[in-house]
C-alpha atoms as a PDB file:
ATOM      1  CA  MET A   1     -18.740  -9.610   6.595  1.00  0.00           C
ATOM      2  CA  ARG A   2     -19.188  -8.427  10.172  1.00  0.00           C
ATOM      3  CA  SER A   3     -16.214  -6.792  10.216  1.00  0.00           C
ATOM      4  CA  HIS A   4     -16.371  -4.955   6.968  1.00  0.00           C
ATOM      5  CA  ALA A   5     -19.743  -3.842   8.421  1.00  0.00           C
ATOM      6  CA  ILE A   6     -18.198  -1.979  11.291  1.00  0.00           C
ATOM      7  CA  GLY A   7     -15.761  -0.711   9.175  1.00  0.00           C
ATOM      8  CA  LEU A   8     -18.240   0.947   6.998  1.00  0.00           C
ATOM      9  CA  LYS A   9     -20.295   2.353   9.849  1.00  0.00           C
ATOM     10  CA  VAL A  10     -17.376   3.954  11.338  1.00  0.00           C
ATOM     11  CA  SER A  11     -16.547   5.566   8.011  1.00  0.00           C
ATOM     12  CA  GLY A  12     -19.823   6.619   7.589  1.00  0.00           C
ATOM     13  CA  VAL A  13     -19.721   8.643  10.964  1.00  0.00           C
ATOM     14  CA  SER A  14     -16.207  10.035   9.991  1.00  0.00           C
ATOM     15  CA  LEU A  15     -17.761  11.163   6.806  1.00  0.00           C
ATOM     16  CA  GLY A  16     -20.655  12.897   8.601  1.00  0.00           C
ATOM     17  CA  LEU A  17     -18.584  14.598  11.351  1.00  0.00           C
ATOM     18  CA  ASN A  18     -15.907  15.868   8.807  1.00  0.00           C
ATOM     19  CA  LEU A  19     -18.318  17.719   6.635  1.00  0.00           C
ATOM     20  CA  VAL A  20     -20.522  19.395   9.454  1.00  0.00           C
ATOM     21  CA  LEU A  21     -16.813  20.478  10.992  1.00  0.00           C
ATOM     22  CA  ALA A  22     -15.572  21.524   7.469  1.00  0.00           C
ATOM     23  CA  VAL A  23     -18.578  23.891   7.197  1.00  0.00           C
ATOM     24  CA  ILE A  24     -18.249  25.530  10.682  1.00  0.00           C
ATOM     25  CA  LYS A  25     -14.256  25.990  10.604  1.00  0.00           C
ATOM     26  CA  ILE A  26     -13.918  27.557   7.373  1.00  0.00           C
ATOM     27  CA  THR A  27     -17.644  29.929   8.123  1.00  0.00           C
ATOM     28  CA  ALA A  28     -16.126  31.110  11.525  1.00  0.00           C
ATOM     29  CA  GLY A  29     -12.559  31.578  10.231  1.00  0.00           C
ATOM     30  CA  ILE A  30     -13.811  33.699   7.660  1.00  0.00           C
ATOM     31  CA  ILE A  31     -15.744  35.657   9.491  1.00  0.00           C
ATOM     32  CA  GLY A  32     -13.648  35.692  12.698  1.00  0.00           C
ATOM     33  CA  ASN A  33     -10.468  36.577  10.542  1.00  0.00           C
ATOM     34  CA  ALA A  34      -8.649  33.443  11.540  1.00  0.00           C
ATOM     35  CA  TYR A  35      -6.752  31.596   8.666  1.00  0.00           C
ATOM     36  CA  ALA A  36      -5.340  29.196  11.282  1.00  0.00           C
ATOM     37  CA  LEU A  37      -9.169  28.343  11.453  1.00  0.00           C
ATOM     38  CA  VAL A  38      -9.610  28.315   7.708  1.00  0.00           C
ATOM     39  CA  ALA A  39      -6.735  25.934   7.207  1.00  0.00           C
ATOM     40  CA  ASP A  40      -8.050  23.650   9.504  1.00  0.00           C
ATOM     41  CA  GLY A  41     -11.437  23.869   7.309  1.00  0.00           C
ATOM     42  CA  ILE A  42      -9.446  23.277   4.448  1.00  0.00           C
ATOM     43  CA  GLU A  43      -7.943  20.126   6.014  1.00  0.00           C
ATOM     44  CA  SER A  44     -11.557  18.858   7.113  1.00  0.00           C
ATOM     45  CA  THR A  45     -13.138  19.606   3.591  1.00  0.00           C
ATOM     46  CA  ILE A  46      -9.812  16.869   2.326  1.00  0.00           C
ATOM     47  CA  ASP A  47     -10.781  14.614   5.753  1.00  0.00           C
ATOM     48  CA  VAL A  48     -14.329  14.481   3.855  1.00  0.00           C
ATOM     49  CA  ILE A  49     -13.144  13.180   0.673  1.00  0.00           C
ATOM     50  CA  SER A  50     -10.841  10.791   2.271  1.00  0.00           C
ATOM     51  CA  SER A  51     -13.404   9.469   4.513  1.00  0.00           C
ATOM     52  CA  LEU A  52     -15.600   8.614   1.565  1.00  0.00           C
ATOM     53  CA  ILE A  53     -12.527   7.197  -0.306  1.00  0.00           C
ATOM     54  CA  VAL A  54     -12.348   4.993   2.754  1.00  0.00           C
ATOM     55  CA  TRP A  55     -16.026   4.018   2.868  1.00  0.00           C
ATOM     56  CA  SER A  56     -15.670   3.207  -0.851  1.00  0.00           C
ATOM     57  CA  GLY A  57     -12.670   1.328  -0.293  1.00  0.00           C
ATOM     58  CA  LEU A  58     -14.006  -0.971   2.241  1.00  0.00           C
ATOM     59  CA  ARG A  59     -17.329  -1.342   0.464  1.00  0.00           C
ATOM     60  CA  ILE A  60     -15.676  -2.649  -2.812  1.00  0.00           C
ATOM     61  CA  SER A  61     -13.331  -4.824  -0.551  1.00  0.00           C
ATOM     62  CA  THR A  62     -16.438  -6.586   0.517  1.00  0.00           C
ATOM     63  CA  ARG A  63     -17.270  -8.097  -2.677  1.00  0.00           C
ATOM     64  CA  PRO A  64     -16.439 -12.061  -3.312  1.00  0.00           C
ATOM     65  CA  PRO A  65     -13.957 -13.212  -5.940  1.00  0.00           C
ATOM     66  CA  ASP A  66     -15.140 -13.265  -9.331  1.00  0.00           C
ATOM     67  CA  THR A  67     -13.870 -14.487 -12.792  1.00  0.00           C
ATOM     68  CA  SER A  68     -12.155 -11.000 -13.079  1.00  0.00           C
ATOM     69  CA  HIS A  69     -10.761 -11.180  -9.379  1.00  0.00           C
ATOM     70  CA  PRO A  70     -10.233 -14.592  -8.100  1.00  0.00           C
ATOM     71  CA  TYR A  71      -8.372 -13.264  -4.892  1.00  0.00           C
ATOM     72  CA  GLY A  72     -11.073 -10.968  -4.186  1.00  0.00           C
ATOM     73  CA  HIS A  73     -11.260  -7.171  -3.879  1.00  0.00           C
ATOM     74  CA  GLY A  74      -9.448  -6.886  -0.602  1.00  0.00           C
ATOM     75  CA  LYS A  75      -6.734  -4.556  -2.305  1.00  0.00           C
ATOM     76  CA  ALA A  76      -8.959  -1.884  -2.775  1.00  0.00           C
ATOM     77  CA  GLU A  77      -8.920  -1.082   0.947  1.00  0.00           C
ATOM     78  CA  SER A  78      -4.842  -1.099   0.564  1.00  0.00           C
ATOM     79  CA  ILE A  79      -5.485   1.394  -2.411  1.00  0.00           C
ATOM     80  CA  ALA A  80      -7.728   3.430  -0.215  1.00  0.00           C
ATOM     81  CA  ALA A  81      -4.791   3.710   2.523  1.00  0.00           C
ATOM     82  CA  VAL A  82      -2.960   4.780  -0.104  1.00  0.00           C
ATOM     83  CA  VAL A  83      -5.015   7.510  -1.448  1.00  0.00           C
ATOM     84  CA  VAL A  84      -5.784   9.140   2.090  1.00  0.00           C
ATOM     85  CA  ALA A  85      -2.323   8.963   3.000  1.00  0.00           C
ATOM     86  CA  LEU A  86      -1.284  10.841  -0.044  1.00  0.00           C
ATOM     87  CA  MET A  87      -4.370  13.135   0.561  1.00  0.00           C
ATOM     88  CA  LEU A  88      -3.104  13.933   3.984  1.00  0.00           C
ATOM     89  CA  LEU A  89       0.426  14.701   2.685  1.00  0.00           C
ATOM     90  CA  GLY A  90      -1.065  17.202   0.016  1.00  0.00           C
ATOM     91  CA  ALA A  91      -3.094  19.122   3.103  1.00  0.00           C
ATOM     92  CA  GLY A  92       0.121  19.422   4.873  1.00  0.00           C
ATOM     93  CA  ILE A  93       1.804  21.088   1.752  1.00  0.00           C
ATOM     94  CA  LEU A  94      -1.267  23.079   0.984  1.00  0.00           C
ATOM     95  CA  ILE A  95      -1.530  24.577   4.676  1.00  0.00           C
ATOM     96  CA  ALA A  96       2.044  25.018   4.986  1.00  0.00           C
ATOM     97  CA  VAL A  97       2.302  27.236   1.641  1.00  0.00           C
ATOM     98  CA  GLN A  98      -0.930  29.290   2.625  1.00  0.00           C
ATOM     99  CA  SER A  99       0.311  29.926   6.099  1.00  0.00           C
ATOM    100  CA  VAL A 100       3.527  31.405   4.537  1.00  0.00           C
ATOM    101  CA  ARG A 101       1.693  33.466   2.682  1.00  0.00           C
ATOM    102  CA  GLU A 102      -0.516  34.815   5.347  1.00  0.00           C
ATOM    103  CA  ILE A 103       2.282  35.411   7.512  1.00  0.00           C
ATOM    104  CA  LEU A 104       3.702  37.684   4.669  1.00  0.00           C
ATOM    105  CA  THR A 105       0.475  39.382   4.158  1.00  0.00           C
ATOM    106  CA  PRO A 106      -0.352  41.898   6.459  1.00  0.00           C
ATOM    107  CA  HIS A 107      -3.704  41.134   8.612  1.00  0.00           C
ATOM    108  CA  HIS A 108      -6.132  41.935  11.522  1.00  0.00           C
ATOM    109  CA  ALA A 109      -5.778  39.899  14.669  1.00  0.00           C
ATOM    110  CA  PRO A 110      -8.324  36.597  14.834  1.00  0.00           C
ATOM    111  CA  ALA A 111     -11.684  37.218  16.905  1.00  0.00           C
ATOM    112  CA  TRP A 112     -11.914  35.938  20.485  1.00  0.00           C
ATOM    113  CA  TYR A 113     -14.921  33.782  19.553  1.00  0.00           C
ATOM    114  CA  THR A 114     -12.641  31.404  16.864  1.00  0.00           C
ATOM    115  CA  LEU A 115     -11.240  30.060  20.383  1.00  0.00           C
ATOM    116  CA  VAL A 116     -14.562  28.431  21.499  1.00  0.00           C
ATOM    117  CA  VAL A 117     -14.905  27.074  18.169  1.00  0.00           C
ATOM    118  CA  LEU A 118     -11.254  25.662  18.129  1.00  0.00           C
ATOM    119  CA  VAL A 119     -11.888  23.928  21.694  1.00  0.00           C
ATOM    120  CA  GLY A 120     -14.938  22.038  20.525  1.00  0.00           C
ATOM    121  CA  VAL A 121     -12.877  20.669  17.544  1.00  0.00           C
ATOM    122  CA  VAL A 122     -10.055  19.693  19.267  1.00  0.00           C
ATOM    123  CA  VAL A 123     -12.196  17.481  21.426  1.00  0.00           C
ATOM    124  CA  LEU A 124     -14.406  16.289  18.628  1.00  0.00           C
ATOM    125  CA  LYS A 125     -11.414  15.179  16.486  1.00  0.00           C
ATOM    126  CA  GLU A 126      -9.870  13.327  19.253  1.00  0.00           C
ATOM    127  CA  GLY A 127     -12.571  11.513  20.290  1.00  0.00           C
ATOM    128  CA  MET A 128     -12.938  10.660  16.701  1.00  0.00           C
ATOM    129  CA  PHE A 129      -9.292   9.578  16.274  1.00  0.00           C
ATOM    130  CA  ARG A 130      -9.839   7.217  19.257  1.00  0.00           C
ATOM    131  CA  TYR A 131     -13.006   5.745  17.657  1.00  0.00           C
ATOM    132  CA  VAL A 132     -11.711   5.244  14.133  1.00  0.00           C
ATOM    133  CA  HIS A 133      -8.281   4.236  15.211  1.00  0.00           C
ATOM    134  CA  GLN A 134      -9.270   1.542  17.576  1.00  0.00           C
ATOM    135  CA  ALA A 135     -11.824   0.199  14.791  1.00  0.00           C
ATOM    136  CA  GLY A 136      -8.753   0.398  12.485  1.00  0.00           C
ATOM    137  CA  GLU A 137      -6.756  -1.791  14.680  1.00  0.00           C
ATOM    138  CA  GLU A 138      -9.509  -4.237  15.603  1.00  0.00           C
ATOM    139  CA  LEU A 139     -10.153  -4.937  11.656  1.00  0.00           C
ATOM    140  CA  ASN A 140      -6.467  -4.411  10.714  1.00  0.00           C
ATOM    141  CA  SER A 141      -7.307  -1.657   8.233  1.00  0.00           C
ATOM    142  CA  GLY A 142      -4.879   0.931   6.893  1.00  0.00           C
ATOM    143  CA  ALA A 143      -7.793   2.795   5.527  1.00  0.00           C
ATOM    144  CA  LEU A 144      -9.191   3.301   8.798  1.00  0.00           C
ATOM    145  CA  ARG A 145      -6.013   3.978  10.549  1.00  0.00           C
ATOM    146  CA  GLY A 146      -4.919   6.681   7.792  1.00  0.00           C
ATOM    147  CA  ASP A 147      -8.627   7.848   8.350  1.00  0.00           C
ATOM    148  CA  ALA A 148      -8.001   7.930  12.176  1.00  0.00           C
ATOM    149  CA  TRP A 149      -4.608   9.820  11.855  1.00  0.00           C
ATOM    150  CA  HIS A 150      -6.660  12.634   9.457  1.00  0.00           C
ATOM    151  CA  HIS A 151      -8.744  13.405  12.580  1.00  0.00           C
ATOM    152  CA  ARG A 152      -5.724  13.394  15.010  1.00  0.00           C
ATOM    153  CA  SER A 153      -3.888  15.671  12.748  1.00  0.00           C
ATOM    154  CA  ASP A 154      -6.878  17.712  12.630  1.00  0.00           C
ATOM    155  CA  ALA A 155      -6.990  17.986  16.390  1.00  0.00           C
ATOM    156  CA  ILE A 156      -3.526  18.894  16.233  1.00  0.00           C
ATOM    157  CA  THR A 157      -3.604  21.701  13.965  1.00  0.00           C
ATOM    158  CA  SER A 158      -6.679  22.776  15.739  1.00  0.00           C
ATOM    159  CA  ALA A 159      -4.680  22.963  19.226  1.00  0.00           C
ATOM    160  CA  ALA A 160      -1.959  24.968  17.469  1.00  0.00           C
ATOM    161  CA  ALA A 161      -4.632  27.385  16.202  1.00  0.00           C
ATOM    162  CA  PHE A 162      -5.733  27.919  19.523  1.00  0.00           C
ATOM    163  CA  VAL A 163      -2.264  28.960  21.010  1.00  0.00           C
ATOM    164  CA  GLY A 164      -1.394  31.020  17.982  1.00  0.00           C
ATOM    165  CA  ILE A 165      -4.678  32.559  18.264  1.00  0.00           C
ATOM    166  CA  SER A 166      -4.386  33.288  22.044  1.00  0.00           C
ATOM    167  CA  ILE A 167      -0.907  34.715  21.316  1.00  0.00           C
ATOM    168  CA  ALA A 168      -2.345  36.993  18.803  1.00  0.00           C
ATOM    169  CA  LEU A 169      -5.206  38.303  20.957  1.00  0.00           C
ATOM    170  CA  ILE A 170      -2.894  38.604  24.163  1.00  0.00           C
ATOM    171  CA  GLY A 171      -0.095  40.317  22.526  1.00  0.00           C
ATOM    172  CA  GLY A 172      -2.063  42.578  20.360  1.00  0.00           C
ATOM    173  CA  PRO A 173      -0.520  44.391  17.608  1.00  0.00           C
ATOM    174  CA  GLY A 174       2.309  43.038  15.885  1.00  0.00           C
ATOM    175  CA  TYR A 175       1.567  39.469  16.800  1.00  0.00           C
ATOM    176  CA  GLU A 176      -1.447  39.265  14.122  1.00  0.00           C
ATOM    177  CA  GLU A 177       0.629  36.546  12.264  1.00  0.00           C
ATOM    178  CA  ALA A 178       0.884  33.997  15.671  1.00  0.00           C
ATOM    179  CA  ASP A 179      -2.123  31.899  14.517  1.00  0.00           C
ATOM    180  CA  ASP A 180      -0.197  31.422  11.269  1.00  0.00           C
ATOM    181  CA  TRP A 181       3.087  30.391  12.392  1.00  0.00           C
ATOM    182  CA  ALA A 182       1.022  27.757  14.671  1.00  0.00           C
ATOM    183  CA  ALA A 183      -0.845  26.301  11.703  1.00  0.00           C
ATOM    184  CA  LEU A 184       2.568  26.293   9.850  1.00  0.00           C
ATOM    185  CA  ALA A 185       4.250  24.293  12.912  1.00  0.00           C
ATOM    186  CA  ALA A 186       1.185  21.906  13.003  1.00  0.00           C
ATOM    187  CA  CYS A 187       2.033  21.010   9.243  1.00  0.00           C
ATOM    188  CA  VAL A 188       5.301  19.208  10.232  1.00  0.00           C
ATOM    189  CA  VAL A 189       3.190  16.961  12.623  1.00  0.00           C
ATOM    190  CA  ILE A 190       0.577  16.472   9.403  1.00  0.00           C
ATOM    191  CA  LEU A 191       3.528  15.647   6.876  1.00  0.00           C
ATOM    192  CA  PHE A 192       5.352  13.134   9.439  1.00  0.00           C
ATOM    193  CA  ASN A 193       2.009  11.338  10.207  1.00  0.00           C
ATOM    194  CA  ALA A 194       1.380  11.148   6.493  1.00  0.00           C
ATOM    195  CA  THR A 195       4.501   9.528   5.298  1.00  0.00           C
ATOM    196  CA  ARG A 196       4.438   7.261   8.523  1.00  0.00           C
ATOM    197  CA  LEU A 197       1.118   5.874   6.929  1.00  0.00           C
ATOM    198  CA  LEU A 198       2.110   6.138   3.339  1.00  0.00           C
ATOM    199  CA  ILE A 199       4.979   3.499   3.533  1.00  0.00           C
ATOM    200  CA  PRO A 200       3.240   0.448   5.114  1.00  0.00           C
ATOM    201  CA  ALA A 201      -0.088   1.229   2.961  1.00  0.00           C
ATOM    202  CA  PHE A 202       2.345   1.168  -0.140  1.00  0.00           C
ATOM    203  CA  ASN A 203       3.992  -2.172   1.487  1.00  0.00           C
ATOM    204  CA  GLU A 204       0.543  -3.587   1.655  1.00  0.00           C
ATOM    205  CA  VAL A 205      -0.465  -2.912  -2.193  1.00  0.00           C
ATOM    206  CA  MET A 206       2.879  -4.516  -2.721  1.00  0.00           C
ATOM    207  CA  ASP A 207       2.305  -7.598  -1.257  1.00  0.00           C
ATOM    208  CA  ALA A 208       4.613  -7.157   1.461  1.00  0.00           C
ATOM    209  CA  SER A 209       5.028  -9.772   3.828  1.00  0.00           C
ATOM    210  CA  VAL A 210       3.681  -9.598   7.376  1.00  0.00           C
ATOM    211  CA  PRO A 211       5.454  -9.119  10.294  1.00  0.00           C
ATOM    212  CA  VAL A 212       7.563 -12.377  11.105  1.00  0.00           C
ATOM    213  CA  ALA A 213       5.847 -12.760  14.651  1.00  0.00           C
ATOM    214  CA  ILE A 214       2.673 -13.580  12.805  1.00  0.00           C
ATOM    215  CA  GLU A 215       4.595 -15.909   9.882  1.00  0.00           C
ATOM    216  CA  THR A 216       5.997 -17.637  13.162  1.00  0.00           C
ATOM    217  CA  ARG A 217       2.768 -18.488  14.912  1.00  0.00           C
ATOM    218  CA  LEU A 218       1.092 -19.367  11.589  1.00  0.00           C
ATOM    219  CA  ARG A 219       4.082 -22.234  11.138  1.00  0.00           C
ATOM    220  CA  GLU A 220       3.545 -22.785  14.721  1.00  0.00           C
ATOM    221  CA  LEU A 221      -0.155 -23.830  14.169  1.00  0.00           C
ATOM    222  CA  ALA A 222       0.504 -25.517  10.802  1.00  0.00           C
ATOM    223  CA  GLU A 223       3.019 -27.680  12.616  1.00  0.00           C
ATOM    224  CA  THR A 224       0.232 -28.799  15.385  1.00  0.00           C
ATOM    225  CA  VAL A 225      -1.567 -30.790  12.745  1.00  0.00           C
ATOM    226  CA  ALA A 226      -1.157 -34.416  12.877  1.00  0.00           C
ATOM    227  CA  GLY A 227       0.958 -35.481  10.154  1.00  0.00           C
ATOM    228  CA  VAL A 228       2.664 -32.533   9.312  1.00  0.00           C
ATOM    229  CA  ASP A 229       6.470 -33.322   9.671  1.00  0.00           C
ATOM    230  CA  THR A 230       7.612 -29.723   9.316  1.00  0.00           C
ATOM    231  CA  VAL A 231       6.997 -26.123   7.233  1.00  0.00           C
ATOM    232  CA  GLU A 232       8.718 -25.677   4.412  1.00  0.00           C
ATOM    233  CA  LYS A 233       7.494 -22.257   2.865  1.00  0.00           C
ATOM    234  CA  CYS A 234       5.172 -20.355   4.187  1.00  0.00           C
ATOM    235  CA  ARG A 235       4.190 -16.773   2.327  1.00  0.00           C
ATOM    236  CA  VAL A 236       1.227 -14.396   4.189  1.00  0.00           C
ATOM    237  CA  ARG A 237       0.037 -11.085   2.421  1.00  0.00           C
ATOM    238  CA  LYS A 238      -2.584  -8.725   3.647  1.00  0.00           C
ATOM    239  CA  SER A 239      -5.675  -8.313   1.335  1.00  0.00           C
ATOM    240  CA  GLY A 240      -8.212  -6.030   2.901  1.00  0.00           C
ATOM    241  CA  THR A 241      -8.852  -6.539   6.277  1.00  0.00           C
ATOM    242  CA  GLY A 242      -7.623 -10.471   6.415  1.00  0.00           C
ATOM    243  CA  LEU A 243      -4.603 -12.281   5.370  1.00  0.00           C
ATOM    244  CA  LEU A 244      -3.896 -14.790   1.954  1.00  0.00           C
ATOM    245  CA  MET A 245      -1.703 -17.342   3.070  1.00  0.00           C
ATOM    246  CA  ASP A 246       0.464 -19.913   0.322  1.00  0.00           C
ATOM    247  CA  ILE A 247       2.117 -22.726   2.614  1.00  0.00           C
ATOM    248  CA  HIS A 248       4.349 -25.849   1.655  1.00  0.00           C
ATOM    249  CA  ILE A 249       4.184 -28.734   4.315  1.00  0.00           C
ATOM    250  CA  GLN A 250       6.187 -31.860   4.433  1.00  0.00           C
ATOM    251  CA  VAL A 251       4.474 -35.357   5.547  1.00  0.00           C
ATOM    252  CA  ASP A 252       5.461 -38.922   5.174  1.00  0.00           C
ATOM    253  CA  GLY A 253       6.675 -39.547   1.660  1.00  0.00           C
ATOM    254  CA  SER A 254       5.374 -43.164   1.720  1.00  0.00           C
ATOM    255  CA  MET A 255       1.847 -41.876   2.440  1.00  0.00           C
ATOM    256  CA  THR A 256      -1.133 -42.203  -0.348  1.00  0.00           C
ATOM    257  CA  VAL A 257      -2.169 -39.223  -2.007  1.00  0.00           C
ATOM    258  CA  ARG A 258      -5.679 -39.316  -0.211  1.00  0.00           C
ATOM    259  CA  GLU A 259      -3.887 -39.140   3.049  1.00  0.00           C
ATOM    260  CA  GLY A 260      -1.778 -36.388   2.029  1.00  0.00           C
ATOM    261  CA  HIS A 261      -4.997 -34.511   0.972  1.00  0.00           C
ATOM    262  CA  GLU A 262      -6.519 -35.112   4.095  1.00  0.00           C
ATOM    263  CA  ILE A 263      -3.465 -33.746   6.394  1.00  0.00           C
ATOM    264  CA  ALA A 264      -3.588 -30.919   3.994  1.00  0.00           C
ATOM    265  CA  HIS A 265      -7.049 -29.984   4.806  1.00  0.00           C
ATOM    266  CA  ARG A 266      -6.515 -30.026   8.517  1.00  0.00           C
ATOM    267  CA  ALA A 267      -3.572 -27.986   8.347  1.00  0.00           C
ATOM    268  CA  LYS A 268      -5.967 -25.451   6.221  1.00  0.00           C
ATOM    269  CA  ASP A 269      -9.024 -25.774   8.713  1.00  0.00           C
ATOM    270  CA  ARG A 270      -6.763 -25.424  11.735  1.00  0.00           C
ATOM    271  CA  ILE A 271      -5.129 -22.332  10.381  1.00  0.00           C
ATOM    272  CA  LEU A 272      -8.543 -20.724   9.277  1.00  0.00           C
ATOM    273  CA  ALA A 273     -10.155 -21.652  12.353  1.00  0.00           C
ATOM    274  CA  GLY A 274      -7.162 -19.390  14.199  1.00  0.00           C
ATOM    275  CA  ASP A 275      -7.523 -15.804  15.467  1.00  0.00           C
ATOM    276  CA  LEU A 276      -4.836 -14.371  12.930  1.00  0.00           C
ATOM    277  CA  GLY A 277      -7.271 -13.050  10.508  1.00  0.00           C
ATOM    278  CA  VAL A 278      -6.266 -15.717   7.531  1.00  0.00           C
ATOM    279  CA  VAL A 279      -9.336 -15.785   4.894  1.00  0.00           C
ATOM    280  CA  ASP A 280      -8.048 -18.214   2.272  1.00  0.00           C
ATOM    281  CA  VAL A 281      -4.754 -20.785   2.352  1.00  0.00           C
ATOM    282  CA  LEU A 282      -3.254 -23.034  -0.465  1.00  0.00           C
ATOM    283  CA  VAL A 283      -1.394 -25.822   0.937  1.00  0.00           C
ATOM    284  CA  HIS A 284       1.012 -27.591  -0.966  1.00  0.00           C
ATOM    285  CA  ILE A 285       2.252 -30.859   0.122  1.00  0.00           C
ATOM    286  CA  GLU A 286       5.771 -32.376   0.041  1.00  0.00           C
ATOM    287  CA  PRO A 287       7.599 -35.306   0.887  1.00  0.00           C
ATOM    288  CA  ALA A 288       9.499 -35.222   3.974  1.00  0.00           C
ATOM    289  CA  PRO A 289      13.144 -36.475   3.685  1.00  0.00           C
ATOM    290  CA  ALA A 290      13.525 -40.336   3.851  1.00  0.00           C
ATOM    291  CA  GLY A 291      13.736 -40.973   7.515  1.00  0.00           C
ATOM    292  CA  ARG A 292      13.218 -37.890   8.821  1.00  0.00           C
ATOM    293  CA  SER A 293       9.585 -38.000   9.655  1.00  0.00           C
ATOM    294  CA  ARG A 294       8.700 -36.872  13.224  1.00  0.00           C
ATOM    295  CA  ARG A 295       5.178 -36.763  13.255  1.00  0.00           C
ATOM    296  CA  SER A 296       2.237 -39.551  13.321  1.00  0.00           C
ATOM    297  CA  ARG A 297       0.136 -40.530  10.450  1.00  0.00           C
ATOM    298  CA  ALA A 298      -2.925 -41.079  12.114  1.00  0.00           C
ATOM    299  CA  PRO A 299      -5.512 -38.439  11.763  1.00  0.00           C
ATOM    300  CA  GLU A 300      -6.715 -36.309  14.153  1.00  0.00           C
ATOM    301  CA  ASP A 301     -10.335 -37.405  13.780  1.00  0.00           C
ATOM    302  CA  PRO A 302     -11.031 -40.625  12.193  1.00  0.00           C
ATOM    303  CA  SER A 303     -14.666 -39.551  11.717  1.00  0.00           C
ATOM    304  CA  ARG A 304     -13.715 -36.678   9.819  1.00  0.00           C
ATOM    305  CA  SER A 305     -13.920 -37.790   5.858  1.00  0.00           C
ATOM    306  CA  VAL A 306     -12.754 -35.406   3.036  1.00  0.00           C
ATOM    307  CA  SER A 307     -13.863 -35.946  -0.587  1.00  0.00           C
ATOM    308  CA  PRO A 308     -11.038 -36.302  -3.239  1.00  0.00           C
ATOM    309  CA  SER A 309     -12.661 -33.554  -4.998  1.00  0.00           C
ATOM    310  CA  GLU A 310     -11.964 -31.227  -2.279  1.00  0.00           C
ATOM    311  CA  THR A 311      -9.341 -28.670  -3.025  1.00  0.00           C
ATOM    312  CA  PRO A 312      -6.971 -28.049  -0.195  1.00  0.00           C
END
């Protein structure tokens, strides 16, 4: 729950900053005759919506399992990540189309003070990227990572606008479209990042397997439990900011049901106590091939008693 609280706080800060910057950039861009700045403001407006979606997705994902959603609501975070990536893709296309229109339409050079606004935007947006991205990595949240790249893309478009407007002001007549070309160039970066974020977000929704390194570590963790002969199957998928896991472990086939049940619980407890972010484990017990058992049947902690009614 603490991780979700942190995620909600980060997305709330992101939402507030995007709202303020959207108003500043669109206003300065219209008054200062700088389409690149207006394009930035449009992207920030979309960022406001995306931050709201991330916040809502994280909030829904904190809801506990119920009769309608026995596996919890973690997928809301993955769905939010998909929507945010699609919005970033749409923002890139929208800005590209508008940039081409402005290039084909003669207009006045931008005002010099728009450069001051852009410098401030670049500094703030890059700072927000680092803040939100760090939180996304720590919480393993695709939605927050997507929101972070909205900030980085905004910083890139603002930097490109700064270069374009500078060229327009220094070059004078004939260079009025430089900021529009800069906005168009920045769209390439935006579209690339949108695609890069969209693919893993879709994979999470489709319950794609986690990286092999994580699965390997989870297998090794289960095999450290006394009584576990080997791990036959291991399936892990991401749900929200955590992982759900199904594991088949082999034990000595001559064990009683109660003994196998206790080993299953110890394996589950060991995995949940690890640092890999697993929030639930379903353990299935199978008999190891005759004569191949390699692990002791003695429990790790004889004082631990497990009720037969407990479910592994």
